[in-house]
Amino acid sequence: MKKLFLLIFVAITTTTFAQNQINIESGNFDFLKDQTEVNVQFKFENPLFQADNYTEAQYLERRKTETLAKKGEESWKEWDEEWQKHKESFFFDKFIEGVNGKAKKIKFSKGVSTKYTLILDTKWIYAGWTGFVTQPAKLSSEMIFVETENPSKVLTKVQGNKIEGIGSKGSYRMEYGRISAAYEKTGKELGKAIKNVLK
């Protein structure tokens, strides 16, 4: 019993200290002080996966092999359809939900005409796992603020480093649910950083 409690304590402690690394690489948020809305674009181009830095194709092939062996063709088809939905919209939506929940004074939206655009560029994903103890997903990303009419004009670069999807609502049973939580948490961390500047 003591070993069980020790295992849970270590898992919780590791989780607490391993999350929420967000750093401003260049620039600041001063340009947002008179803004009420910011456009958001989502880039999901060749991110790496897991500790082994698989390509997406490699990650999906391994997932396919595993699912076919354990659950069959129909389960793989369902998993793949959900993955595509999450990659195309759900991940993005959860990030926006997260940043809007914390930034408060500025609304972040996709596909709107605004002076500034935030580009969320996914760099690395760790899918996590579930079991007796859940290992949350982690997300590394680059968040770049640019002038909408002149995207080469970069105002601020923010790095999200292995941010864990902790404290976000949703299903942790499947990878895409855990990854969605990591996107939401990344948005929350960015929103908090912006809110602190715009007080």
N, C-alpha and C. Protein backbone atom coordinates (compact mmCIF):
# COMPACT_ATOMS: atom_id res chain seq x y z
N MET A 1 0.83 -1.21 0.00
CA MET A 1 0.00 0.00 0.00
C MET A 1 0.86 1.26 0.00
N LYS A 2 1.97 1.21 0.78
CA LYS A 2 2.86 2.36 0.82
C LYS A 2 3.46 2.63 -0.55
N LYS A 3 3.80 1.55 -1.26
CA LYS A 3 4.37 1.71 -2.60
C LYS A 3 3.37 2.35 -3.55
N LEU A 4 2.11 1.99 -3.39
CA LEU A 4 1.05 2.56 -4.23
C LEU A 4 0.94 4.07 -4.00
N PHE A 5 0.90 4.50 -2.75
CA PHE A 5 0.82 5.92 -2.44
C PHE A 5 2.06 6.68 -2.92
N LEU A 6 3.22 6.02 -2.81
CA LEU A 6 4.46 6.64 -3.27
C LEU A 6 4.42 6.84 -4.78
N LEU A 7 3.90 5.85 -5.49
CA LEU A 7 3.78 5.94 -6.95
C LEU A 7 2.87 7.09 -7.35
N ILE A 8 1.74 7.22 -6.68
CA ILE A 8 0.80 8.30 -6.98
C ILE A 8 1.42 9.66 -6.67
N PHE A 9 2.11 9.75 -5.53
CA PHE A 9 2.76 11.01 -5.14
C PHE A 9 3.80 11.43 -6.16
N VAL A 10 4.62 10.48 -6.59
CA VAL A 10 5.67 10.78 -7.59
C VAL A 10 5.05 11.23 -8.90
N ALA A 11 3.97 10.57 -9.30
CA ALA A 11 3.30 10.93 -10.56
C ALA A 11 2.75 12.35 -10.49
N ILE A 12 2.11 12.69 -9.36
CA ILE A 12 1.54 14.02 -9.19
C ILE A 12 2.63 15.07 -9.13
N THR A 13 3.69 14.79 -8.37
CA THR A 13 4.79 15.74 -8.23
C THR A 13 5.47 15.98 -9.57
N THR A 14 5.73 14.90 -10.31
CA THR A 14 6.36 15.04 -11.61
C THR A 14 5.50 15.87 -12.54
N THR A 15 4.20 15.60 -12.52
CA THR A 15 3.27 16.35 -13.35
C THR A 15 3.27 17.83 -13.00
N THR A 16 3.27 18.13 -11.71
CA THR A 16 3.20 19.52 -11.27
C THR A 16 4.40 20.33 -11.72
N PHE A 17 5.59 19.74 -11.65
CA PHE A 17 6.79 20.49 -11.97
C PHE A 17 7.17 20.43 -13.44
N ALA A 18 6.48 19.59 -14.22
CA ALA A 18 6.90 19.39 -15.60
C ALA A 18 6.11 20.22 -16.59
N GLN A 19 5.14 21.00 -16.13
CA GLN A 19 4.21 21.61 -17.07
C GLN A 19 4.39 23.12 -17.21
N ASN A 20 3.77 23.63 -18.22
CA ASN A 20 3.53 25.06 -18.39
C ASN A 20 4.79 25.92 -18.58
N GLN A 21 5.59 25.54 -19.57
CA GLN A 21 6.76 26.32 -19.92
C GLN A 21 6.43 27.18 -21.14
N ILE A 22 6.30 28.47 -20.94
CA ILE A 22 6.02 29.39 -22.03
C ILE A 22 6.99 30.57 -21.93
N ASN A 23 7.64 30.87 -23.04
CA ASN A 23 8.69 31.89 -23.03
C ASN A 23 8.54 32.85 -24.21
N ILE A 24 8.69 34.13 -23.94
CA ILE A 24 8.71 35.12 -25.03
C ILE A 24 10.12 35.14 -25.60
N GLU A 25 10.24 34.74 -26.84
CA GLU A 25 11.55 34.65 -27.48
C GLU A 25 12.00 36.01 -28.01
N SER A 26 11.05 36.78 -28.53
CA SER A 26 11.37 38.12 -29.01
C SER A 26 10.11 38.99 -28.98
N GLY A 27 10.30 40.31 -28.83
CA GLY A 27 9.18 41.23 -28.82
C GLY A 27 8.46 41.26 -27.49
N ASN A 28 7.24 41.83 -27.50
CA ASN A 28 6.40 41.92 -26.30
C ASN A 28 4.95 42.05 -26.75
N PHE A 29 4.05 42.25 -25.79
CA PHE A 29 2.62 42.34 -26.12
C PHE A 29 2.09 43.77 -26.11
N ASP A 30 2.96 44.75 -26.07
CA ASP A 30 2.51 46.14 -25.98
C ASP A 30 1.60 46.56 -27.14
N PHE A 31 1.85 46.00 -28.32
CA PHE A 31 1.06 46.37 -29.50
C PHE A 31 -0.40 45.95 -29.38
N LEU A 32 -0.72 45.08 -28.43
CA LEU A 32 -2.09 44.61 -28.25
C LEU A 32 -2.94 45.51 -27.35
N LYS A 33 -2.33 46.50 -26.74
CA LYS A 33 -3.03 47.28 -25.72
C LYS A 33 -4.28 48.00 -26.22
N ASP A 34 -4.31 48.37 -27.50
CA ASP A 34 -5.49 49.07 -28.02
C ASP A 34 -6.32 48.17 -28.93
N GLN A 35 -6.09 46.86 -28.90
CA GLN A 35 -6.80 45.94 -29.77
C GLN A 35 -7.95 45.25 -29.02
N THR A 36 -9.00 44.93 -29.77
CA THR A 36 -10.12 44.19 -29.19
C THR A 36 -10.27 42.79 -29.78
N GLU A 37 -9.64 42.56 -30.94
CA GLU A 37 -9.75 41.25 -31.59
C GLU A 37 -8.48 40.96 -32.39
N VAL A 38 -8.08 39.69 -32.40
CA VAL A 38 -6.90 39.24 -33.13
C VAL A 38 -7.27 38.00 -33.95
N ASN A 39 -6.85 37.98 -35.20
CA ASN A 39 -7.06 36.81 -36.06
C ASN A 39 -6.08 35.71 -35.66
N VAL A 40 -6.49 34.45 -35.85
CA VAL A 40 -5.61 33.33 -35.53
C VAL A 40 -5.54 32.38 -36.72
N GLN A 41 -4.32 31.97 -37.06
CA GLN A 41 -4.08 30.96 -38.09
C GLN A 41 -3.43 29.75 -37.45
N PHE A 42 -3.72 28.59 -38.00
CA PHE A 42 -3.22 27.33 -37.43
C PHE A 42 -2.31 26.65 -38.45
N LYS A 43 -1.08 26.34 -38.04
CA LYS A 43 -0.15 25.60 -38.89
C LYS A 43 0.12 24.24 -38.26
N PHE A 44 -0.11 23.20 -39.05
CA PHE A 44 0.16 21.83 -38.61
C PHE A 44 0.96 21.17 -39.72
N GLU A 45 2.18 21.63 -39.90
CA GLU A 45 3.01 21.19 -41.02
C GLU A 45 4.24 20.45 -40.49
N ASN A 46 4.22 19.16 -40.64
CA ASN A 46 5.35 18.31 -40.28
C ASN A 46 5.78 18.38 -38.81
N PRO A 47 4.83 18.36 -37.87
CA PRO A 47 5.26 18.28 -36.47
C PRO A 47 5.86 16.92 -36.18
N LEU A 48 6.66 16.84 -35.15
CA LEU A 48 7.24 15.57 -34.73
C LEU A 48 6.42 15.01 -33.57
N PHE A 49 6.50 13.69 -33.40
CA PHE A 49 5.68 13.01 -32.40
C PHE A 49 6.51 12.13 -31.49
N GLN A 50 6.11 12.13 -30.22
CA GLN A 50 6.64 11.22 -29.21
C GLN A 50 8.12 11.51 -28.93
N ALA A 51 8.68 10.80 -27.99
CA ALA A 51 10.08 11.01 -27.60
C ALA A 51 11.03 10.65 -28.73
N ASP A 52 10.57 9.77 -29.63
CA ASP A 52 11.42 9.35 -30.75
C ASP A 52 11.37 10.29 -31.95
N ASN A 53 10.58 11.36 -31.85
CA ASN A 53 10.47 12.34 -32.94
C ASN A 53 10.05 11.71 -34.27
N TYR A 54 8.98 10.92 -34.22
CA TYR A 54 8.42 10.35 -35.43
C TYR A 54 7.80 11.46 -36.28
N THR A 55 7.77 11.25 -37.59
CA THR A 55 6.94 12.10 -38.44
C THR A 55 5.48 11.72 -38.19
N GLU A 56 4.55 12.54 -38.67
CA GLU A 56 3.14 12.18 -38.50
C GLU A 56 2.84 10.87 -39.20
N ALA A 57 3.39 10.68 -40.40
CA ALA A 57 3.14 9.44 -41.16
C ALA A 57 3.63 8.22 -40.37
N GLN A 58 4.80 8.33 -39.76
CA GLN A 58 5.34 7.22 -38.97
C GLN A 58 4.48 6.97 -37.73
N TYR A 59 4.06 8.06 -37.08
CA TYR A 59 3.24 7.92 -35.89
C TYR A 59 1.92 7.23 -36.23
N LEU A 60 1.28 7.66 -37.32
CA LEU A 60 0.00 7.08 -37.71
C LEU A 60 0.15 5.63 -38.15
N GLU A 61 1.24 5.30 -38.81
CA GLU A 61 1.46 3.92 -39.24
C GLU A 61 1.61 2.99 -38.04
N ARG A 62 2.34 3.45 -37.02
CA ARG A 62 2.48 2.66 -35.81
C ARG A 62 1.14 2.51 -35.09
N ARG A 63 0.37 3.59 -35.07
CA ARG A 63 -0.96 3.54 -34.43
C ARG A 63 -1.89 2.61 -35.19
N LYS A 64 -1.80 2.64 -36.50
CA LYS A 64 -2.63 1.78 -37.34
C LYS A 64 -2.30 0.31 -37.09
N THR A 65 -1.03 -0.01 -37.09
CA THR A 65 -0.61 -1.40 -36.87
C THR A 65 -1.11 -1.91 -35.52
N GLU A 66 -0.98 -1.08 -34.51
CA GLU A 66 -1.41 -1.44 -33.16
C GLU A 66 -2.92 -1.65 -33.09
N THR A 67 -3.68 -0.73 -33.72
CA THR A 67 -5.14 -0.81 -33.66
C THR A 67 -5.67 -1.99 -34.46
N LEU A 68 -5.09 -2.24 -35.64
CA LEU A 68 -5.54 -3.38 -36.45
C LEU A 68 -5.30 -4.70 -35.71
N ALA A 69 -4.16 -4.78 -35.03
CA ALA A 69 -3.83 -6.02 -34.32
C ALA A 69 -4.76 -6.27 -33.13
N LYS A 70 -5.16 -5.22 -32.46
CA LYS A 70 -5.95 -5.36 -31.24
C LYS A 70 -7.46 -5.28 -31.46
N LYS A 71 -7.88 -4.41 -32.41
CA LYS A 71 -9.32 -4.12 -32.51
C LYS A 71 -9.91 -4.27 -33.91
N GLY A 72 -9.08 -4.35 -34.94
CA GLY A 72 -9.60 -4.58 -36.27
C GLY A 72 -9.77 -3.33 -37.12
N GLU A 73 -10.17 -3.55 -38.36
CA GLU A 73 -10.25 -2.51 -39.39
C GLU A 73 -11.25 -1.40 -39.05
N GLU A 74 -12.42 -1.79 -38.53
CA GLU A 74 -13.45 -0.80 -38.25
C GLU A 74 -13.00 0.19 -37.17
N SER A 75 -12.33 -0.32 -36.15
CA SER A 75 -11.82 0.55 -35.09
C SER A 75 -10.76 1.51 -35.63
N TRP A 76 -9.91 1.01 -36.52
CA TRP A 76 -8.89 1.90 -37.11
C TRP A 76 -9.55 3.01 -37.94
N LYS A 77 -10.55 2.64 -38.71
CA LYS A 77 -11.25 3.63 -39.53
C LYS A 77 -11.85 4.72 -38.65
N GLU A 78 -12.50 4.32 -37.56
CA GLU A 78 -13.09 5.30 -36.63
C GLU A 78 -12.02 6.18 -36.00
N TRP A 79 -10.90 5.57 -35.60
CA TRP A 79 -9.81 6.34 -34.98
C TRP A 79 -9.25 7.36 -35.97
N ASP A 80 -9.02 6.91 -37.19
CA ASP A 80 -8.43 7.79 -38.21
C ASP A 80 -9.36 8.96 -38.53
N GLU A 81 -10.66 8.70 -38.61
CA GLU A 81 -11.63 9.78 -38.88
C GLU A 81 -11.60 10.81 -37.75
N GLU A 82 -11.54 10.34 -36.51
CA GLU A 82 -11.47 11.27 -35.37
C GLU A 82 -10.16 12.06 -35.39
N TRP A 83 -9.08 11.39 -35.73
CA TRP A 83 -7.78 12.08 -35.80
C TRP A 83 -7.84 13.22 -36.81
N GLN A 84 -8.38 12.95 -37.99
CA GLN A 84 -8.46 13.98 -39.02
C GLN A 84 -9.32 15.16 -38.56
N LYS A 85 -10.44 14.87 -37.90
CA LYS A 85 -11.31 15.94 -37.40
C LYS A 85 -10.57 16.81 -36.39
N HIS A 86 -9.86 16.16 -35.48
CA HIS A 86 -9.15 16.91 -34.45
C HIS A 86 -8.03 17.75 -35.07
N LYS A 87 -7.31 17.15 -35.99
CA LYS A 87 -6.20 17.87 -36.61
C LYS A 87 -6.67 19.06 -37.43
N GLU A 88 -7.82 18.91 -38.07
CA GLU A 88 -8.33 19.97 -38.95
C GLU A 88 -9.05 21.08 -38.20
N SER A 89 -9.65 20.76 -37.04
CA SER A 89 -10.39 21.83 -36.37
C SER A 89 -10.38 21.78 -34.85
N PHE A 90 -10.53 20.61 -34.25
CA PHE A 90 -10.71 20.54 -32.79
C PHE A 90 -9.51 21.07 -32.03
N PHE A 91 -8.28 20.71 -32.46
CA PHE A 91 -7.09 21.21 -31.77
C PHE A 91 -7.07 22.73 -31.78
N PHE A 92 -7.33 23.29 -32.95
CA PHE A 92 -7.34 24.74 -33.15
C PHE A 92 -8.41 25.40 -32.27
N ASP A 93 -9.61 24.81 -32.28
CA ASP A 93 -10.72 25.37 -31.50
C ASP A 93 -10.41 25.36 -30.00
N LYS A 94 -9.75 24.29 -29.53
CA LYS A 94 -9.43 24.21 -28.10
C LYS A 94 -8.38 25.25 -27.72
N PHE A 95 -7.42 25.50 -28.60
CA PHE A 95 -6.44 26.54 -28.33
C PHE A 95 -7.12 27.90 -28.20
N ILE A 96 -8.01 28.21 -29.14
CA ILE A 96 -8.72 29.49 -29.11
C ILE A 96 -9.59 29.59 -27.85
N GLU A 97 -10.24 28.50 -27.49
CA GLU A 97 -11.04 28.48 -26.26
C GLU A 97 -10.16 28.80 -25.05
N GLY A 98 -8.97 28.22 -25.03
CA GLY A 98 -8.06 28.44 -23.92
C GLY A 98 -7.57 29.87 -23.82
N VAL A 99 -7.14 30.44 -24.94
CA VAL A 99 -6.61 31.81 -24.90
C VAL A 99 -7.70 32.81 -24.59
N ASN A 100 -8.90 32.61 -25.14
CA ASN A 100 -10.00 33.53 -24.85
C ASN A 100 -10.46 33.45 -23.40
N GLY A 101 -10.31 32.29 -22.80
CA GLY A 101 -10.71 32.13 -21.41
C GLY A 101 -9.83 32.90 -20.43
N LYS A 102 -8.63 33.28 -20.88
CA LYS A 102 -7.69 33.96 -19.99
C LYS A 102 -7.36 35.39 -20.41
N ALA A 103 -7.30 35.65 -21.72
CA ALA A 103 -6.89 36.98 -22.19
C ALA A 103 -7.91 38.06 -21.84
N LYS A 104 -9.19 37.70 -21.86
CA LYS A 104 -10.31 38.55 -21.42
C LYS A 104 -10.55 39.78 -22.30
N LYS A 105 -9.62 40.74 -22.33
CA LYS A 105 -9.88 42.01 -23.01
C LYS A 105 -9.78 41.91 -24.53
N ILE A 106 -9.19 40.85 -25.04
CA ILE A 106 -9.02 40.67 -26.48
C ILE A 106 -9.68 39.36 -26.90
N LYS A 107 -10.43 39.40 -27.98
CA LYS A 107 -11.05 38.18 -28.50
C LYS A 107 -10.17 37.63 -29.62
N PHE A 108 -9.85 36.35 -29.54
CA PHE A 108 -9.07 35.66 -30.58
C PHE A 108 -10.03 34.82 -31.41
N SER A 109 -9.99 35.01 -32.73
CA SER A 109 -10.93 34.33 -33.62
C SER A 109 -10.22 33.91 -34.89
N LYS A 110 -10.74 32.86 -35.54
CA LYS A 110 -10.14 32.45 -36.81
C LYS A 110 -10.93 33.06 -37.97
N GLY A 111 -10.19 33.45 -39.01
CA GLY A 111 -10.82 33.95 -40.22
C GLY A 111 -11.46 35.31 -40.11
N VAL A 112 -10.90 36.18 -39.27
CA VAL A 112 -11.46 37.53 -39.15
C VAL A 112 -10.45 38.56 -39.67
N SER A 113 -10.97 39.70 -40.08
CA SER A 113 -10.12 40.77 -40.60
C SER A 113 -9.70 41.68 -39.44
N THR A 114 -8.45 41.59 -39.06
CA THR A 114 -7.94 42.37 -37.94
C THR A 114 -6.55 42.91 -38.29
N LYS A 115 -6.08 43.83 -37.48
CA LYS A 115 -4.76 44.43 -37.73
C LYS A 115 -3.64 43.42 -37.51
N TYR A 116 -3.82 42.54 -36.52
CA TYR A 116 -2.77 41.57 -36.19
C TYR A 116 -3.28 40.14 -36.28
N THR A 117 -2.36 39.24 -36.60
CA THR A 117 -2.67 37.81 -36.70
C THR A 117 -1.71 37.02 -35.83
N LEU A 118 -2.25 36.06 -35.11
CA LEU A 118 -1.45 35.12 -34.33
C LEU A 118 -1.37 33.80 -35.11
N ILE A 119 -0.16 33.35 -35.37
CA ILE A 119 0.05 32.08 -36.06
C ILE A 119 0.49 31.04 -35.03
N LEU A 120 -0.31 30.00 -34.87
CA LEU A 120 0.04 28.90 -33.97
C LEU A 120 0.66 27.78 -34.81
N ASP A 121 1.93 27.54 -34.61
CA ASP A 121 2.68 26.56 -35.40
C ASP A 121 3.06 25.37 -34.51
N THR A 122 2.44 24.23 -34.76
CA THR A 122 2.69 23.02 -33.98
C THR A 122 4.06 22.44 -34.34
N LYS A 123 4.89 22.19 -33.32
CA LYS A 123 6.24 21.68 -33.55
C LYS A 123 6.42 20.23 -33.09
N TRP A 124 5.85 19.89 -31.94
CA TRP A 124 6.08 18.56 -31.37
C TRP A 124 4.90 18.17 -30.48
N ILE A 125 4.51 16.89 -30.55
CA ILE A 125 3.39 16.37 -29.77
C ILE A 125 3.78 15.06 -29.11
N TYR A 126 3.47 14.97 -27.83
CA TYR A 126 3.58 13.71 -27.10
C TYR A 126 2.16 13.32 -26.71
N ALA A 127 1.72 12.14 -27.13
CA ALA A 127 0.31 11.77 -27.01
C ALA A 127 -0.12 11.36 -25.61
N GLY A 128 0.83 11.00 -24.75
CA GLY A 128 0.46 10.56 -23.41
C GLY A 128 -0.19 9.17 -23.42
N TRP A 129 -0.74 8.76 -22.29
CA TRP A 129 -1.39 7.46 -22.19
C TRP A 129 -2.33 7.45 -20.99
N THR A 130 -3.17 6.44 -20.95
CA THR A 130 -4.08 6.27 -19.82
C THR A 130 -3.88 4.89 -19.22
N GLY A 131 -4.26 4.78 -17.98
CA GLY A 131 -4.13 3.52 -17.26
C GLY A 131 -4.45 3.80 -15.81
N PHE A 132 -3.77 3.13 -14.91
CA PHE A 132 -4.00 3.40 -13.49
C PHE A 132 -3.65 4.85 -13.17
N VAL A 133 -2.57 5.33 -13.79
CA VAL A 133 -2.18 6.73 -13.71
C VAL A 133 -2.18 7.28 -15.14
N THR A 134 -2.78 8.45 -15.35
CA THR A 134 -2.82 9.05 -16.68
C THR A 134 -1.62 9.95 -16.92
N GLN A 135 -0.96 9.73 -18.05
CA GLN A 135 0.12 10.63 -18.46
C GLN A 135 -0.46 11.60 -19.48
N PRO A 136 -0.54 12.90 -19.17
CA PRO A 136 -1.15 13.84 -20.11
C PRO A 136 -0.32 14.02 -21.37
N ALA A 137 -0.97 14.50 -22.40
CA ALA A 137 -0.26 14.85 -23.63
C ALA A 137 0.56 16.11 -23.39
N LYS A 138 1.58 16.30 -24.23
CA LYS A 138 2.41 17.50 -24.16
C LYS A 138 2.48 18.12 -25.55
N LEU A 139 2.60 19.43 -25.57
CA LEU A 139 2.64 20.16 -26.85
C LEU A 139 3.75 21.20 -26.82
N SER A 140 4.58 21.18 -27.85
CA SER A 140 5.54 22.26 -28.08
C SER A 140 5.10 23.00 -29.34
N SER A 141 5.08 24.31 -29.26
CA SER A 141 4.59 25.11 -30.39
C SER A 141 5.30 26.45 -30.43
N GLU A 142 5.17 27.11 -31.57
CA GLU A 142 5.65 28.47 -31.71
C GLU A 142 4.44 29.35 -32.01
N MET A 143 4.29 30.42 -31.27
CA MET A 143 3.17 31.35 -31.46
C MET A 143 3.73 32.68 -31.91
N ILE A 144 3.40 33.07 -33.13
CA ILE A 144 4.01 34.25 -33.76
C ILE A 144 2.94 35.29 -34.06
N PHE A 145 3.12 36.48 -33.56
CA PHE A 145 2.23 37.60 -33.87
C PHE A 145 2.83 38.39 -35.02
N VAL A 146 2.01 38.59 -36.07
CA VAL A 146 2.46 39.34 -37.25
C VAL A 146 1.43 40.40 -37.62
N GLU A 147 1.83 41.34 -38.47
CA GLU A 147 0.87 42.27 -39.05
C GLU A 147 0.10 41.51 -40.13
N THR A 148 -1.21 41.55 -40.08
CA THR A 148 -2.03 40.78 -41.01
C THR A 148 -1.75 41.16 -42.46
N GLU A 149 -1.60 42.45 -42.74
CA GLU A 149 -1.36 42.90 -44.11
C GLU A 149 0.10 42.73 -44.54
N ASN A 150 0.97 42.47 -43.59
CA ASN A 150 2.39 42.31 -43.89
C ASN A 150 2.96 41.20 -43.00
N PRO A 151 2.65 39.94 -43.33
CA PRO A 151 3.00 38.81 -42.46
C PRO A 151 4.50 38.64 -42.21
N SER A 152 5.33 39.28 -43.05
CA SER A 152 6.77 39.18 -42.82
C SER A 152 7.20 40.06 -41.64
N LYS A 153 6.29 40.95 -41.21
CA LYS A 153 6.59 41.82 -40.07
C LYS A 153 6.19 41.08 -38.79
N VAL A 154 7.19 40.47 -38.16
CA VAL A 154 6.96 39.72 -36.93
C VAL A 154 7.10 40.66 -35.73
N LEU A 155 6.06 40.67 -34.89
CA LEU A 155 6.06 41.54 -33.72
C LEU A 155 6.53 40.82 -32.46
N THR A 156 6.07 39.58 -32.29
CA THR A 156 6.41 38.82 -31.10
C THR A 156 6.45 37.33 -31.41
N LYS A 157 7.43 36.66 -30.84
CA LYS A 157 7.51 35.20 -30.93
C LYS A 157 7.46 34.61 -29.53
N VAL A 158 6.59 33.64 -29.35
CA VAL A 158 6.44 32.98 -28.06
C VAL A 158 6.62 31.47 -28.27
N GLN A 159 7.42 30.86 -27.41
CA GLN A 159 7.64 29.42 -27.46
C GLN A 159 6.85 28.73 -26.36
N GLY A 160 6.07 27.74 -26.75
CA GLY A 160 5.42 26.87 -25.77
C GLY A 160 6.20 25.57 -25.72
N ASN A 161 6.77 25.25 -24.59
CA ASN A 161 7.69 24.12 -24.49
C ASN A 161 7.11 22.97 -23.66
N LYS A 162 6.68 21.93 -24.34
CA LYS A 162 6.18 20.71 -23.68
C LYS A 162 5.10 21.02 -22.64
N ILE A 163 4.13 21.82 -23.04
CA ILE A 163 3.03 22.18 -22.13
C ILE A 163 2.06 21.01 -22.02
N GLU A 164 1.78 20.62 -20.78
CA GLU A 164 0.93 19.46 -20.52
C GLU A 164 -0.54 19.86 -20.44
N GLY A 165 -1.39 19.00 -20.97
CA GLY A 165 -2.83 19.25 -20.95
C GLY A 165 -3.45 18.89 -19.62
N ILE A 166 -3.12 19.68 -18.60
CA ILE A 166 -3.62 19.41 -17.25
C ILE A 166 -4.66 20.46 -16.88
N GLY A 167 -5.73 20.04 -16.27
CA GLY A 167 -6.73 21.00 -15.81
C GLY A 167 -7.70 21.44 -16.89
N SER A 168 -7.69 20.77 -18.02
CA SER A 168 -8.62 21.10 -19.10
C SER A 168 -9.70 20.02 -19.17
N LYS A 169 -10.91 20.43 -19.43
CA LYS A 169 -12.02 19.48 -19.50
C LYS A 169 -11.98 18.72 -20.82
N GLY A 170 -12.49 17.50 -20.79
CA GLY A 170 -12.55 16.71 -22.01
C GLY A 170 -12.19 15.26 -21.72
N SER A 171 -12.22 14.45 -22.77
CA SER A 171 -11.92 13.04 -22.64
C SER A 171 -10.42 12.79 -22.76
N TYR A 172 -9.87 12.09 -21.80
CA TYR A 172 -8.45 11.75 -21.82
C TYR A 172 -8.25 10.31 -22.30
N ARG A 173 -9.33 9.64 -22.67
CA ARG A 173 -9.25 8.22 -23.02
C ARG A 173 -8.45 7.98 -24.29
N MET A 174 -8.66 8.82 -25.30
CA MET A 174 -7.95 8.66 -26.57
C MET A 174 -6.91 9.76 -26.75
N GLU A 175 -5.91 9.49 -27.59
CA GLU A 175 -4.82 10.45 -27.79
C GLU A 175 -5.32 11.83 -28.17
N TYR A 176 -6.26 11.87 -29.12
CA TYR A 176 -6.67 13.17 -29.63
C TYR A 176 -7.38 14.00 -28.56
N GLY A 177 -8.02 13.34 -27.60
CA GLY A 177 -8.62 14.07 -26.48
C GLY A 177 -7.55 14.66 -25.58
N ARG A 178 -6.51 13.88 -25.29
CA ARG A 178 -5.43 14.38 -24.44
C ARG A 178 -4.65 15.50 -25.15
N ILE A 179 -4.45 15.34 -26.45
CA ILE A 179 -3.73 16.37 -27.21
C ILE A 179 -4.55 17.65 -27.27
N SER A 180 -5.86 17.53 -27.43
CA SER A 180 -6.74 18.71 -27.42
C SER A 180 -6.57 19.49 -26.12
N ALA A 181 -6.46 18.75 -25.01
CA ALA A 181 -6.27 19.40 -23.72
C ALA A 181 -4.95 20.17 -23.67
N ALA A 182 -3.91 19.65 -24.32
CA ALA A 182 -2.62 20.34 -24.36
C ALA A 182 -2.71 21.62 -25.18
N TYR A 183 -3.51 21.59 -26.26
CA TYR A 183 -3.73 22.83 -27.03
C TYR A 183 -4.48 23.86 -26.20
N GLU A 184 -5.50 23.40 -25.48
CA GLU A 184 -6.25 24.33 -24.65
C GLU A 184 -5.36 24.93 -23.56
N LYS A 185 -4.52 24.09 -22.94
CA LYS A 185 -3.64 24.58 -21.89
C LYS A 185 -2.61 25.57 -22.44
N THR A 186 -2.13 25.32 -23.65
CA THR A 186 -1.20 26.27 -24.29
C THR A 186 -1.88 27.61 -24.50
N GLY A 187 -3.13 27.57 -24.96
CA GLY A 187 -3.89 28.81 -25.13
C GLY A 187 -4.06 29.54 -23.81
N LYS A 188 -4.36 28.79 -22.75
CA LYS A 188 -4.54 29.41 -21.43
C LYS A 188 -3.25 30.09 -20.97
N GLU A 189 -2.12 29.43 -21.17
CA GLU A 189 -0.84 30.00 -20.73
C GLU A 189 -0.51 31.27 -21.51
N LEU A 190 -0.80 31.27 -22.82
CA LEU A 190 -0.58 32.48 -23.61
C LEU A 190 -1.53 33.57 -23.15
N GLY A 191 -2.79 33.22 -22.93
CA GLY A 191 -3.78 34.20 -22.48
C GLY A 191 -3.40 34.84 -21.16
N LYS A 192 -2.88 34.04 -20.23
CA LYS A 192 -2.45 34.58 -18.94
C LYS A 192 -1.29 35.56 -19.11
N ALA A 193 -0.35 35.21 -19.99
CA ALA A 193 0.80 36.09 -20.22
C ALA A 193 0.36 37.43 -20.81
N ILE A 194 -0.60 37.38 -21.73
CA ILE A 194 -1.12 38.60 -22.34
C ILE A 194 -1.89 39.43 -21.31
N LYS A 195 -2.72 38.76 -20.53
CA LYS A 195 -3.52 39.44 -19.52
C LYS A 195 -2.65 40.18 -18.52
N ASN A 196 -1.52 39.60 -18.14
CA ASN A 196 -0.62 40.24 -17.19
C ASN A 196 -0.05 41.55 -17.73
N VAL A 197 0.13 41.63 -19.04
CA VAL A 197 0.66 42.85 -19.67
C VAL A 197 -0.42 43.89 -19.84
N LEU A 198 -1.66 43.43 -20.10
CA LEU A 198 -2.74 44.37 -20.44
C LEU A 198 -3.58 44.79 -19.23
N LYS A 199 -3.10 44.58 -18.04
CA LYS A 199 -3.87 44.96 -16.83
C LYS A 199 -4.13 46.47 -16.80
